[in-house]
Amino acid sequence: MKAMILAAGRGERMRPLTDHTPKPLLQAGGKPLIVWHIEKLAKAGFTEIVINHAHLGAQIEAVLGDGHAFGVTIQYSPETEALETAGGIANALPLLGDQPFLVINSDIFCDYDFASIKPIAKNLLAWLVLVDNPAHNAAGDFSLRDSEVADDGDATLTFSGIGVYHPQLFASVERGAKAKLAPLLRQAMLSHQVGGIHYQGSWLDIGTPERLAELDKSLR
């Protein structure tokens, strides 16, 4: 299974840190955020990684190169301007192929074991890792009934930014167009095509300088 790391966001809430450094290259525990992901993916057996980028994307390519230093192969999907999550994934589909693939937000930190991820069931378009609602997203995103993710008004869990997707989920997205992921997921939920799990381990959305400092302190 291939993996994609989403790295095209501007990181407005991280300014001024992201004025001259792309958010995925901000450091915690002595290494860039995106490197933590790449190392975990490599350890879990993911050898083919796709990374999209927009804001200061050349810096990302300069730091990571072709992935050889991490024991993986990295391909890049550059965007002139950030295409949102679904738009970025749809734009990278030629690199991801026609089989389900793993996608990870670059601005999270999680000790979830990527090696435990299995191919999604044939009837599913998406499979999501959900976590307890953090203080900054107390309203939550979705609910989980057994192993099915639903948008039923009882949003007891938050989407972690880790998911496995079938390329067909993005069939309606024109390549190069901006598109959000949530509407596609909610549409698939109507036909019971989204599965998931509730992960209760360590997870942090690194959306502000304060949370980055918190993570850096904990890692050091």
N, C-alpha and C. Protein backbone atom coordinates (compact mmCIF):
# COMPACT_ATOMS: atom_id res chain seq x y z
N MET A 1 0.84 -1.20 0.00
CA MET A 1 0.00 0.00 0.00
C MET A 1 0.88 1.25 0.00
N LYS A 2 0.54 2.22 -0.86
CA LYS A 2 1.25 3.48 -0.87
C LYS A 2 0.72 4.40 0.22
N ALA A 3 1.50 5.39 0.58
CA ALA A 3 1.09 6.35 1.60
C ALA A 3 1.29 7.76 1.05
N MET A 4 0.42 8.66 1.47
CA MET A 4 0.53 10.07 1.10
C MET A 4 0.55 10.92 2.36
N ILE A 5 1.43 11.89 2.40
CA ILE A 5 1.49 12.84 3.50
C ILE A 5 1.05 14.20 2.96
N LEU A 6 0.03 14.77 3.59
CA LEU A 6 -0.51 16.06 3.16
C LEU A 6 0.35 17.18 3.74
N ALA A 7 1.00 17.94 2.86
CA ALA A 7 1.97 18.93 3.32
C ALA A 7 1.84 20.27 2.60
N ALA A 8 0.63 20.55 2.06
CA ALA A 8 0.48 21.75 1.23
C ALA A 8 -0.12 22.94 1.98
N GLY A 9 -0.55 22.74 3.21
CA GLY A 9 -1.22 23.82 3.94
C GLY A 9 -0.30 25.01 4.22
N ARG A 10 -0.90 26.19 4.23
CA ARG A 10 -0.13 27.43 4.47
C ARG A 10 0.25 27.57 5.94
N GLY A 11 -0.53 27.02 6.85
CA GLY A 11 -0.21 27.12 8.27
C GLY A 11 -0.41 28.51 8.82
N GLU A 12 -1.55 29.13 8.49
CA GLU A 12 -1.82 30.51 8.93
C GLU A 12 -1.77 30.65 10.45
N ARG A 13 -2.32 29.66 11.16
CA ARG A 13 -2.35 29.75 12.63
C ARG A 13 -0.96 29.60 13.24
N MET A 14 -0.02 29.14 12.44
CA MET A 14 1.35 28.96 12.92
C MET A 14 2.23 30.18 12.66
N ARG A 15 1.71 31.18 11.99
CA ARG A 15 2.52 32.36 11.73
C ARG A 15 2.91 33.04 13.05
N PRO A 16 4.11 33.61 13.14
CA PRO A 16 5.07 33.87 12.06
C PRO A 16 6.03 32.70 11.76
N LEU A 17 5.87 31.57 12.46
CA LEU A 17 6.80 30.46 12.25
C LEU A 17 6.78 29.98 10.80
N THR A 18 5.63 30.04 10.16
CA THR A 18 5.50 29.51 8.80
C THR A 18 5.70 30.58 7.72
N ASP A 19 6.10 31.77 8.10
CA ASP A 19 6.35 32.80 7.08
C ASP A 19 7.52 32.43 6.19
N HIS A 20 8.51 31.75 6.77
CA HIS A 20 9.71 31.41 6.01
C HIS A 20 10.02 29.91 6.03
N THR A 21 9.20 29.14 6.74
CA THR A 21 9.40 27.70 6.83
C THR A 21 8.05 27.00 6.63
N PRO A 22 7.94 26.05 5.72
CA PRO A 22 6.68 25.32 5.58
C PRO A 22 6.37 24.54 6.85
N LYS A 23 5.10 24.49 7.22
CA LYS A 23 4.71 23.87 8.48
C LYS A 23 5.27 22.45 8.67
N PRO A 24 5.29 21.60 7.64
CA PRO A 24 5.82 20.25 7.83
C PRO A 24 7.29 20.20 8.25
N LEU A 25 8.02 21.29 8.00
CA LEU A 25 9.44 21.32 8.37
C LEU A 25 9.69 21.97 9.72
N LEU A 26 8.64 22.46 10.39
CA LEU A 26 8.82 22.96 11.75
C LEU A 26 9.28 21.80 12.63
N GLN A 27 10.16 22.08 13.56
CA GLN A 27 10.79 21.01 14.32
C GLN A 27 10.16 20.79 15.70
N ALA A 28 10.16 19.53 16.10
CA ALA A 28 9.76 19.12 17.45
C ALA A 28 10.64 17.95 17.83
N GLY A 29 11.21 17.99 19.00
CA GLY A 29 12.08 16.90 19.42
C GLY A 29 13.32 16.77 18.57
N GLY A 30 13.75 17.86 17.94
CA GLY A 30 14.98 17.85 17.18
C GLY A 30 14.89 17.43 15.74
N LYS A 31 13.67 17.22 15.21
CA LYS A 31 13.55 16.87 13.80
C LYS A 31 12.24 17.43 13.25
N PRO A 32 12.16 17.64 11.93
CA PRO A 32 10.93 18.17 11.33
C PRO A 32 9.74 17.25 11.56
N LEU A 33 8.57 17.87 11.68
CA LEU A 33 7.34 17.10 11.92
C LEU A 33 7.16 16.00 10.87
N ILE A 34 7.40 16.33 9.60
CA ILE A 34 7.15 15.36 8.54
C ILE A 34 8.13 14.19 8.59
N VAL A 35 9.31 14.42 9.13
CA VAL A 35 10.29 13.33 9.23
C VAL A 35 9.82 12.27 10.23
N TRP A 36 9.17 12.70 11.31
CA TRP A 36 8.60 11.72 12.25
C TRP A 36 7.67 10.76 11.52
N HIS A 37 6.81 11.31 10.64
CA HIS A 37 5.88 10.47 9.88
C HIS A 37 6.62 9.52 8.94
N ILE A 38 7.58 10.06 8.21
CA ILE A 38 8.30 9.24 7.23
C ILE A 38 9.01 8.08 7.93
N GLU A 39 9.64 8.36 9.05
CA GLU A 39 10.34 7.30 9.78
C GLU A 39 9.38 6.24 10.29
N LYS A 40 8.21 6.66 10.78
CA LYS A 40 7.23 5.69 11.26
C LYS A 40 6.67 4.86 10.11
N LEU A 41 6.43 5.50 8.98
CA LEU A 41 5.94 4.77 7.81
C LEU A 41 6.96 3.75 7.34
N ALA A 42 8.22 4.16 7.29
CA ALA A 42 9.27 3.24 6.86
C ALA A 42 9.37 2.04 7.80
N LYS A 43 9.29 2.31 9.09
CA LYS A 43 9.35 1.23 10.08
C LYS A 43 8.19 0.26 9.92
N ALA A 44 7.03 0.80 9.49
CA ALA A 44 5.83 -0.03 9.33
C ALA A 44 5.78 -0.75 7.99
N GLY A 45 6.79 -0.52 7.13
CA GLY A 45 6.85 -1.23 5.87
C GLY A 45 6.31 -0.48 4.66
N PHE A 46 5.96 0.80 4.85
CA PHE A 46 5.53 1.61 3.71
C PHE A 46 6.78 2.16 3.02
N THR A 47 6.98 1.77 1.78
CA THR A 47 8.21 2.17 1.09
C THR A 47 7.97 3.20 -0.02
N GLU A 48 6.72 3.38 -0.43
CA GLU A 48 6.40 4.34 -1.48
C GLU A 48 5.53 5.46 -0.89
N ILE A 49 6.05 6.67 -0.87
CA ILE A 49 5.36 7.79 -0.25
C ILE A 49 5.21 8.93 -1.24
N VAL A 50 4.02 9.52 -1.25
CA VAL A 50 3.73 10.70 -2.07
C VAL A 50 3.51 11.88 -1.13
N ILE A 51 4.11 13.00 -1.43
CA ILE A 51 3.95 14.21 -0.62
C ILE A 51 3.51 15.35 -1.52
N ASN A 52 2.38 16.00 -1.17
CA ASN A 52 2.00 17.20 -1.91
C ASN A 52 2.53 18.42 -1.18
N HIS A 53 2.73 19.49 -1.91
CA HIS A 53 3.21 20.71 -1.26
C HIS A 53 2.81 21.92 -2.08
N ALA A 54 2.79 23.07 -1.45
CA ALA A 54 2.48 24.33 -2.12
C ALA A 54 3.37 25.43 -1.54
N HIS A 55 2.99 25.95 -0.36
CA HIS A 55 3.74 27.03 0.28
C HIS A 55 5.17 26.60 0.60
N LEU A 56 6.14 27.25 -0.02
CA LEU A 56 7.56 26.97 0.22
C LEU A 56 7.90 25.50 -0.01
N GLY A 57 7.21 24.90 -0.98
CA GLY A 57 7.38 23.47 -1.22
C GLY A 57 8.78 23.05 -1.62
N ALA A 58 9.52 23.96 -2.26
CA ALA A 58 10.89 23.61 -2.66
C ALA A 58 11.75 23.27 -1.47
N GLN A 59 11.46 23.89 -0.33
CA GLN A 59 12.22 23.57 0.89
C GLN A 59 11.98 22.13 1.30
N ILE A 60 10.75 21.66 1.17
CA ILE A 60 10.42 20.29 1.55
C ILE A 60 11.20 19.30 0.68
N GLU A 61 11.21 19.55 -0.63
CA GLU A 61 11.95 18.66 -1.52
C GLU A 61 13.45 18.70 -1.23
N ALA A 62 13.96 19.89 -0.89
CA ALA A 62 15.40 20.01 -0.62
C ALA A 62 15.80 19.24 0.63
N VAL A 63 14.95 19.23 1.64
CA VAL A 63 15.25 18.55 2.90
C VAL A 63 15.08 17.04 2.78
N LEU A 64 14.02 16.60 2.12
CA LEU A 64 13.69 15.17 2.09
C LEU A 64 14.28 14.43 0.90
N GLY A 65 14.51 15.14 -0.19
CA GLY A 65 15.06 14.50 -1.38
C GLY A 65 14.17 13.39 -1.90
N ASP A 66 14.78 12.34 -2.40
CA ASP A 66 14.02 11.23 -2.98
C ASP A 66 13.63 10.18 -1.95
N GLY A 67 13.95 10.44 -0.68
CA GLY A 67 13.58 9.51 0.39
C GLY A 67 14.61 8.45 0.70
N HIS A 68 15.67 8.39 -0.09
CA HIS A 68 16.69 7.34 0.10
C HIS A 68 17.26 7.33 1.52
N ALA A 69 17.46 8.50 2.07
CA ALA A 69 18.04 8.59 3.42
C ALA A 69 17.14 7.97 4.48
N PHE A 70 15.85 7.82 4.17
CA PHE A 70 14.90 7.25 5.14
C PHE A 70 14.49 5.83 4.78
N GLY A 71 15.08 5.30 3.71
CA GLY A 71 14.74 3.95 3.30
C GLY A 71 13.44 3.83 2.55
N VAL A 72 12.98 4.93 1.95
CA VAL A 72 11.73 4.94 1.19
C VAL A 72 11.96 5.65 -0.15
N THR A 73 10.96 5.60 -0.99
CA THR A 73 10.95 6.37 -2.24
C THR A 73 9.89 7.45 -2.12
N ILE A 74 10.27 8.70 -2.32
CA ILE A 74 9.33 9.81 -2.21
C ILE A 74 9.10 10.42 -3.59
N GLN A 75 7.82 10.60 -3.93
CA GLN A 75 7.42 11.34 -5.11
C GLN A 75 6.63 12.56 -4.66
N TYR A 76 6.73 13.63 -5.42
CA TYR A 76 6.08 14.88 -5.02
C TYR A 76 4.95 15.26 -5.97
N SER A 77 3.93 15.86 -5.37
CA SER A 77 2.78 16.36 -6.12
C SER A 77 2.67 17.85 -5.83
N PRO A 78 3.37 18.70 -6.58
CA PRO A 78 3.36 20.13 -6.31
C PRO A 78 2.03 20.78 -6.70
N GLU A 79 1.63 21.79 -5.93
CA GLU A 79 0.43 22.56 -6.20
C GLU A 79 0.79 24.03 -6.25
N THR A 80 0.31 24.74 -7.26
CA THR A 80 0.59 26.17 -7.37
C THR A 80 0.01 26.91 -6.18
N GLU A 81 -1.20 26.53 -5.78
CA GLU A 81 -1.81 26.98 -4.54
C GLU A 81 -2.48 25.77 -3.91
N ALA A 82 -2.57 25.77 -2.59
CA ALA A 82 -3.11 24.60 -1.89
C ALA A 82 -4.52 24.27 -2.37
N LEU A 83 -4.75 23.01 -2.67
CA LEU A 83 -6.01 22.56 -3.25
C LEU A 83 -6.99 21.99 -2.23
N GLU A 84 -6.76 22.21 -0.94
CA GLU A 84 -7.55 21.59 0.12
C GLU A 84 -7.24 20.08 0.14
N THR A 85 -7.79 19.38 1.10
CA THR A 85 -7.43 17.97 1.29
C THR A 85 -7.83 17.09 0.12
N ALA A 86 -9.13 17.09 -0.24
CA ALA A 86 -9.59 16.22 -1.33
C ALA A 86 -8.99 16.64 -2.66
N GLY A 87 -8.85 17.95 -2.88
CA GLY A 87 -8.26 18.43 -4.12
C GLY A 87 -6.81 17.99 -4.25
N GLY A 88 -6.07 18.05 -3.15
CA GLY A 88 -4.68 17.63 -3.16
C GLY A 88 -4.53 16.15 -3.42
N ILE A 89 -5.41 15.36 -2.81
CA ILE A 89 -5.36 13.91 -3.02
C ILE A 89 -5.72 13.57 -4.46
N ALA A 90 -6.80 14.18 -4.96
CA ALA A 90 -7.23 13.91 -6.34
C ALA A 90 -6.14 14.29 -7.33
N ASN A 91 -5.45 15.38 -7.07
CA ASN A 91 -4.38 15.82 -7.96
C ASN A 91 -3.21 14.84 -7.98
N ALA A 92 -3.04 14.10 -6.88
CA ALA A 92 -1.92 13.15 -6.76
C ALA A 92 -2.28 11.74 -7.18
N LEU A 93 -3.53 11.50 -7.58
CA LEU A 93 -3.96 10.13 -7.92
C LEU A 93 -3.08 9.44 -8.96
N PRO A 94 -2.56 10.16 -9.98
CA PRO A 94 -1.69 9.47 -10.94
C PRO A 94 -0.45 8.84 -10.28
N LEU A 95 -0.03 9.40 -9.15
CA LEU A 95 1.12 8.85 -8.43
C LEU A 95 0.71 7.76 -7.45
N LEU A 96 -0.55 7.78 -7.03
CA LEU A 96 -1.03 6.86 -6.00
C LEU A 96 -1.57 5.55 -6.56
N GLY A 97 -1.97 5.55 -7.82
CA GLY A 97 -2.43 4.32 -8.44
C GLY A 97 -3.92 4.06 -8.24
N ASP A 98 -4.34 2.85 -8.57
CA ASP A 98 -5.78 2.53 -8.56
C ASP A 98 -6.19 1.66 -7.37
N GLN A 99 -5.29 1.50 -6.41
CA GLN A 99 -5.60 0.73 -5.21
C GLN A 99 -5.73 1.68 -4.00
N PRO A 100 -6.43 1.24 -2.94
CA PRO A 100 -6.55 2.09 -1.73
C PRO A 100 -5.18 2.47 -1.19
N PHE A 101 -5.10 3.64 -0.60
CA PHE A 101 -3.84 4.18 -0.10
C PHE A 101 -4.06 4.87 1.24
N LEU A 102 -3.00 4.96 2.01
CA LEU A 102 -3.02 5.62 3.32
C LEU A 102 -2.71 7.10 3.14
N VAL A 103 -3.42 7.95 3.89
CA VAL A 103 -3.15 9.39 3.87
C VAL A 103 -3.01 9.88 5.31
N ILE A 104 -2.01 10.74 5.54
CA ILE A 104 -1.75 11.28 6.88
C ILE A 104 -1.57 12.78 6.79
N ASN A 105 -2.20 13.51 7.67
CA ASN A 105 -1.94 14.95 7.78
C ASN A 105 -0.54 15.15 8.35
N SER A 106 0.21 16.07 7.78
CA SER A 106 1.58 16.29 8.27
C SER A 106 1.60 17.04 9.59
N ASP A 107 0.49 17.71 9.94
CA ASP A 107 0.49 18.54 11.15
C ASP A 107 -0.18 17.86 12.34
N ILE A 108 -0.02 16.55 12.43
CA ILE A 108 -0.45 15.83 13.63
C ILE A 108 0.76 15.05 14.15
N PHE A 109 0.66 14.64 15.41
CA PHE A 109 1.66 13.74 15.98
C PHE A 109 0.90 12.64 16.69
N CYS A 110 1.22 11.40 16.35
CA CYS A 110 0.43 10.28 16.86
C CYS A 110 1.31 9.05 16.96
N ASP A 111 1.08 8.24 17.99
CA ASP A 111 1.86 7.01 18.13
C ASP A 111 1.10 5.80 17.57
N TYR A 112 0.10 6.06 16.73
CA TYR A 112 -0.63 4.97 16.09
C TYR A 112 0.32 4.11 15.26
N ASP A 113 0.15 2.80 15.34
CA ASP A 113 1.03 1.86 14.64
C ASP A 113 0.53 1.67 13.21
N PHE A 114 1.21 2.28 12.25
CA PHE A 114 0.79 2.17 10.85
C PHE A 114 0.87 0.74 10.34
N ALA A 115 1.69 -0.08 10.97
CA ALA A 115 1.82 -1.47 10.54
C ALA A 115 0.52 -2.25 10.77
N SER A 116 -0.36 -1.74 11.62
CA SER A 116 -1.62 -2.44 11.90
C SER A 116 -2.68 -2.17 10.85
N ILE A 117 -2.42 -1.25 9.93
CA ILE A 117 -3.41 -0.91 8.91
C ILE A 117 -3.51 -2.02 7.88
N LYS A 118 -4.73 -2.46 7.63
CA LYS A 118 -5.00 -3.52 6.66
C LYS A 118 -5.77 -2.94 5.47
N PRO A 119 -5.76 -3.64 4.34
CA PRO A 119 -6.56 -3.18 3.20
C PRO A 119 -8.03 -3.02 3.59
N ILE A 120 -8.68 -1.99 3.07
CA ILE A 120 -10.07 -1.75 3.44
C ILE A 120 -10.98 -2.75 2.73
N ALA A 121 -12.15 -2.98 3.34
CA ALA A 121 -13.11 -3.91 2.75
C ALA A 121 -13.58 -3.40 1.38
N LYS A 122 -13.98 -4.33 0.51
CA LYS A 122 -14.34 -3.97 -0.86
C LYS A 122 -15.53 -3.03 -0.93
N ASN A 123 -16.39 -3.05 0.09
CA ASN A 123 -17.59 -2.20 0.05
C ASN A 123 -17.34 -0.81 0.60
N LEU A 124 -16.11 -0.52 1.02
CA LEU A 124 -15.80 0.76 1.63
C LEU A 124 -15.04 1.67 0.67
N LEU A 125 -15.34 2.98 0.79
CA LEU A 125 -14.59 3.99 0.06
C LEU A 125 -13.56 4.66 0.96
N ALA A 126 -13.75 4.55 2.27
CA ALA A 126 -12.83 5.18 3.21
C ALA A 126 -12.83 4.44 4.53
N TRP A 127 -11.71 4.54 5.22
CA TRP A 127 -11.56 3.96 6.57
C TRP A 127 -10.78 4.97 7.39
N LEU A 128 -11.36 5.42 8.50
CA LEU A 128 -10.80 6.53 9.27
C LEU A 128 -10.36 6.12 10.66
N VAL A 129 -9.29 6.74 11.13
CA VAL A 129 -8.88 6.61 12.52
C VAL A 129 -9.48 7.80 13.28
N LEU A 130 -10.33 7.51 14.26
CA LEU A 130 -10.99 8.54 15.06
C LEU A 130 -10.39 8.57 16.46
N VAL A 131 -10.39 9.75 17.07
CA VAL A 131 -9.83 9.91 18.41
C VAL A 131 -10.84 10.66 19.28
N ASP A 132 -10.59 10.67 20.59
CA ASP A 132 -11.44 11.44 21.49
C ASP A 132 -11.42 12.92 21.12
N ASN A 133 -12.53 13.60 21.32
CA ASN A 133 -12.60 15.01 20.98
C ASN A 133 -11.66 15.83 21.85
N PRO A 134 -10.70 16.55 21.24
CA PRO A 134 -9.82 17.42 22.02
C PRO A 134 -10.55 18.71 22.39
N ALA A 135 -9.97 19.49 23.27
CA ALA A 135 -10.61 20.72 23.73
C ALA A 135 -10.89 21.68 22.59
N HIS A 136 -10.00 21.71 21.59
CA HIS A 136 -10.18 22.66 20.49
C HIS A 136 -11.17 22.16 19.43
N ASN A 137 -11.70 20.94 19.60
CA ASN A 137 -12.74 20.43 18.70
C ASN A 137 -13.77 19.65 19.51
N ALA A 138 -14.27 20.32 20.55
CA ALA A 138 -15.16 19.66 21.51
C ALA A 138 -16.45 19.17 20.86
N ALA A 139 -16.87 19.79 19.77
CA ALA A 139 -18.10 19.38 19.10
C ALA A 139 -17.93 18.10 18.31
N GLY A 140 -16.67 17.71 18.04
CA GLY A 140 -16.40 16.47 17.33
C GLY A 140 -16.69 16.54 15.85
N ASP A 141 -16.47 15.42 15.17
CA ASP A 141 -16.69 15.33 13.72
C ASP A 141 -17.72 14.27 13.36
N PHE A 142 -17.51 13.03 13.86
CA PHE A 142 -18.34 11.91 13.45
C PHE A 142 -18.64 11.01 14.66
N SER A 143 -19.48 10.02 14.40
CA SER A 143 -19.73 8.99 15.41
C SER A 143 -19.29 7.65 14.85
N LEU A 144 -19.13 6.68 15.74
CA LEU A 144 -18.70 5.34 15.34
C LEU A 144 -19.68 4.33 15.92
N ARG A 145 -20.29 3.56 15.04
CA ARG A 145 -21.22 2.51 15.44
C ARG A 145 -20.62 1.18 15.01
N ASP A 146 -20.17 0.40 15.99
CA ASP A 146 -19.38 -0.80 15.69
C ASP A 146 -18.17 -0.35 14.87
N SER A 147 -18.09 -0.71 13.62
CA SER A 147 -16.94 -0.29 12.82
C SER A 147 -17.35 0.64 11.69
N GLU A 148 -18.54 1.21 11.77
CA GLU A 148 -19.02 2.12 10.73
C GLU A 148 -19.01 3.56 11.24
N VAL A 149 -18.44 4.45 10.44
CA VAL A 149 -18.39 5.87 10.77
C VAL A 149 -19.63 6.55 10.19
N ALA A 150 -20.28 7.38 10.99
CA ALA A 150 -21.51 8.02 10.55
C ALA A 150 -21.52 9.50 10.91
N ASP A 151 -22.32 10.24 10.20
CA ASP A 151 -22.56 11.66 10.47
C ASP A 151 -24.01 11.79 10.87
N ASP A 152 -24.29 11.43 12.14
CA ASP A 152 -25.67 11.31 12.58
C ASP A 152 -26.06 12.31 13.66
N GLY A 153 -25.27 13.37 13.80
CA GLY A 153 -25.58 14.38 14.81
C GLY A 153 -25.04 14.07 16.18
N ASP A 154 -24.45 12.90 16.34
CA ASP A 154 -23.86 12.51 17.63
C ASP A 154 -22.34 12.42 17.46
N ALA A 155 -21.72 13.59 17.26
CA ALA A 155 -20.28 13.62 16.92
C ALA A 155 -19.43 13.44 18.16
N THR A 156 -19.31 12.21 18.60
CA THR A 156 -18.59 11.92 19.83
C THR A 156 -17.09 11.76 19.61
N LEU A 157 -16.65 11.73 18.35
CA LEU A 157 -15.24 11.51 18.07
C LEU A 157 -14.73 12.50 17.02
N THR A 158 -13.42 12.65 16.98
CA THR A 158 -12.76 13.56 16.05
C THR A 158 -11.93 12.77 15.04
N PHE A 159 -11.98 13.20 13.78
CA PHE A 159 -11.15 12.57 12.75
C PHE A 159 -9.70 12.94 13.01
N SER A 160 -8.84 11.95 13.07
CA SER A 160 -7.44 12.13 13.47
C SER A 160 -6.56 12.72 12.37
N GLY A 161 -7.02 12.68 11.12
CA GLY A 161 -6.15 13.06 10.01
C GLY A 161 -5.41 11.86 9.43
N ILE A 162 -5.81 10.65 9.86
CA ILE A 162 -5.25 9.41 9.33
C ILE A 162 -6.38 8.61 8.71
N GLY A 163 -6.25 8.25 7.44
CA GLY A 163 -7.31 7.48 6.79
C GLY A 163 -6.78 6.68 5.61
N VAL A 164 -7.54 5.67 5.23
CA VAL A 164 -7.26 4.91 4.03
C VAL A 164 -8.41 5.17 3.06
N TYR A 165 -8.09 5.49 1.81
CA TYR A 165 -9.11 5.87 0.85
C TYR A 165 -9.01 5.06 -0.44
N HIS A 166 -10.17 4.77 -1.00
CA HIS A 166 -10.21 4.18 -2.34
C HIS A 166 -10.22 5.33 -3.34
N PRO A 167 -9.47 5.22 -4.43
CA PRO A 167 -9.45 6.31 -5.41
C PRO A 167 -10.83 6.74 -5.88
N GLN A 168 -11.79 5.81 -5.87
CA GLN A 168 -13.13 6.12 -6.35
C GLN A 168 -13.81 7.20 -5.51
N LEU A 169 -13.37 7.37 -4.26
CA LEU A 169 -13.94 8.42 -3.41
C LEU A 169 -13.77 9.79 -4.04
N PHE A 170 -12.75 9.95 -4.85
CA PHE A 170 -12.42 11.26 -5.42
C PHE A 170 -12.83 11.39 -6.90
N ALA A 171 -13.70 10.49 -7.35
CA ALA A 171 -14.09 10.46 -8.77
C ALA A 171 -14.75 11.76 -9.21
N SER A 172 -15.42 12.46 -8.31
CA SER A 172 -16.15 13.67 -8.68
C SER A 172 -15.28 14.92 -8.63
N VAL A 173 -14.03 14.78 -8.20
CA VAL A 173 -13.14 15.93 -8.05
C VAL A 173 -12.29 16.10 -9.30
N GLU A 174 -12.42 17.26 -9.93
CA GLU A 174 -11.62 17.54 -11.12
C GLU A 174 -10.18 17.75 -10.71
N ARG A 175 -9.27 17.14 -11.43
CA ARG A 175 -7.85 17.27 -11.09
C ARG A 175 -7.43 18.73 -11.21
N GLY A 176 -6.77 19.23 -10.18
CA GLY A 176 -6.33 20.62 -10.15
C GLY A 176 -7.33 21.57 -9.53
N ALA A 177 -8.51 21.05 -9.14
CA ALA A 177 -9.54 21.89 -8.51
C ALA A 177 -9.45 21.78 -6.99
N LYS A 178 -9.86 22.83 -6.31
CA LYS A 178 -9.92 22.79 -4.86
C LYS A 178 -11.14 21.99 -4.41
N ALA A 179 -10.98 21.17 -3.37
CA ALA A 179 -12.09 20.38 -2.86
C ALA A 179 -11.79 19.94 -1.44
N LYS A 180 -12.80 20.02 -0.60
CA LYS A 180 -12.66 19.59 0.79
C LYS A 180 -13.00 18.11 0.91
N LEU A 181 -12.43 17.46 1.93
CA LEU A 181 -12.63 16.03 2.12
C LEU A 181 -13.95 15.71 2.81
N ALA A 182 -14.34 16.51 3.80
CA ALA A 182 -15.52 16.18 4.62
C ALA A 182 -16.78 15.94 3.80
N PRO A 183 -17.11 16.78 2.79
CA PRO A 183 -18.33 16.51 2.02
C PRO A 183 -18.30 15.16 1.30
N LEU A 184 -17.13 14.76 0.81
CA LEU A 184 -17.02 13.46 0.14
C LEU A 184 -17.24 12.33 1.14
N LEU A 185 -16.68 12.48 2.33
CA LEU A 185 -16.87 11.45 3.36
C LEU A 185 -18.33 11.35 3.78
N ARG A 186 -18.97 12.50 3.97
CA ARG A 186 -20.38 12.49 4.40
C ARG A 186 -21.27 11.87 3.34
N GLN A 187 -20.97 12.12 2.08
CA GLN A 187 -21.74 11.49 1.00
C GLN A 187 -21.56 9.98 1.02
N ALA A 188 -20.34 9.52 1.24
CA ALA A 188 -20.08 8.08 1.31
C ALA A 188 -20.74 7.45 2.53
N MET A 189 -20.84 8.21 3.62
CA MET A 189 -21.49 7.70 4.83
C MET A 189 -22.96 7.41 4.60
N LEU A 190 -23.60 8.17 3.71
CA LEU A 190 -25.02 7.95 3.43
C LEU A 190 -25.27 6.56 2.86
N SER A 191 -24.27 6.02 2.18
CA SER A 191 -24.41 4.68 1.61
C SER A 191 -23.59 3.65 2.40
N HIS A 192 -23.25 4.01 3.66
CA HIS A 192 -22.57 3.09 4.59
C HIS A 192 -21.25 2.58 4.02
N GLN A 193 -20.47 3.48 3.43
CA GLN A 193 -19.22 3.08 2.80
C GLN A 193 -17.99 3.66 3.50
N VAL A 194 -18.15 4.04 4.78
CA VAL A 194 -17.01 4.55 5.55
C VAL A 194 -16.88 3.75 6.84
N GLY A 195 -15.75 3.12 7.01
CA GLY A 195 -15.47 2.37 8.23
C GLY A 195 -14.44 3.10 9.07
N GLY A 196 -14.14 2.55 10.24
CA GLY A 196 -13.13 3.19 11.07
C GLY A 196 -12.94 2.52 12.41
N ILE A 197 -12.02 3.10 13.19
CA ILE A 197 -11.77 2.61 14.54
C ILE A 197 -11.62 3.82 15.47
N HIS A 198 -11.77 3.55 16.74
CA HIS A 198 -11.55 4.56 17.78
C HIS A 198 -10.18 4.30 18.39
N TYR A 199 -9.24 5.19 18.12
CA TYR A 199 -7.90 5.05 18.65
C TYR A 199 -7.78 5.88 19.92
N GLN A 200 -7.31 5.27 21.00
CA GLN A 200 -7.27 5.95 22.29
C GLN A 200 -5.85 6.19 22.79
N GLY A 201 -4.89 6.09 21.88
CA GLY A 201 -3.51 6.37 22.25
C GLY A 201 -3.17 7.84 22.15
N SER A 202 -1.89 8.14 22.10
CA SER A 202 -1.42 9.53 22.05
C SER A 202 -1.68 10.14 20.68
N TRP A 203 -2.27 11.34 20.67
CA TRP A 203 -2.55 12.05 19.42
C TRP A 203 -2.60 13.54 19.70
N LEU A 204 -2.00 14.33 18.81
CA LEU A 204 -2.00 15.78 18.98
C LEU A 204 -2.11 16.46 17.63
N ASP A 205 -3.05 17.39 17.53
CA ASP A 205 -3.17 18.24 16.35
C ASP A 205 -2.27 19.45 16.57
N ILE A 206 -1.24 19.57 15.77
CA ILE A 206 -0.25 20.62 16.00
C ILE A 206 -0.64 21.85 15.18
N GLY A 207 -1.70 22.51 15.61
CA GLY A 207 -2.24 23.61 14.83
C GLY A 207 -1.82 24.99 15.27
N THR A 208 -1.13 25.10 16.39
CA THR A 208 -0.73 26.41 16.90
C THR A 208 0.71 26.34 17.42
N PRO A 209 1.38 27.48 17.52
CA PRO A 209 2.74 27.48 18.08
C PRO A 209 2.77 26.91 19.49
N GLU A 210 1.71 27.13 20.25
CA GLU A 210 1.66 26.62 21.62
C GLU A 210 1.66 25.09 21.65
N ARG A 211 0.89 24.48 20.75
CA ARG A 211 0.85 23.02 20.71
C ARG A 211 2.17 22.45 20.17
N LEU A 212 2.81 23.17 19.27
CA LEU A 212 4.12 22.74 18.78
C LEU A 212 5.13 22.76 19.92
N ALA A 213 5.10 23.82 20.74
CA ALA A 213 6.00 23.92 21.88
C ALA A 213 5.72 22.81 22.89
N GLU A 214 4.42 22.49 23.08
CA GLU A 214 4.05 21.42 23.99
C GLU A 214 4.62 20.08 23.52
N LEU A 215 4.50 19.82 22.21
CA LEU A 215 5.03 18.57 21.66
C LEU A 215 6.55 18.53 21.78
N ASP A 216 7.19 19.63 21.45
CA ASP A 216 8.66 19.69 21.52
C ASP A 216 9.13 19.39 22.95
N LYS A 217 8.46 19.97 23.92
CA LYS A 217 8.83 19.75 25.33
C LYS A 217 8.67 18.28 25.70
N SER A 218 7.56 17.66 25.28
CA SER A 218 7.31 16.27 25.64
C SER A 218 8.31 15.33 24.97
N LEU A 219 8.72 15.63 23.73
CA LEU A 219 9.66 14.77 23.03
C LEU A 219 11.08 14.90 23.57
N ARG A 220 11.39 16.06 24.10
CA ARG A 220 12.74 16.28 24.62
C ARG A 220 12.85 15.81 26.07
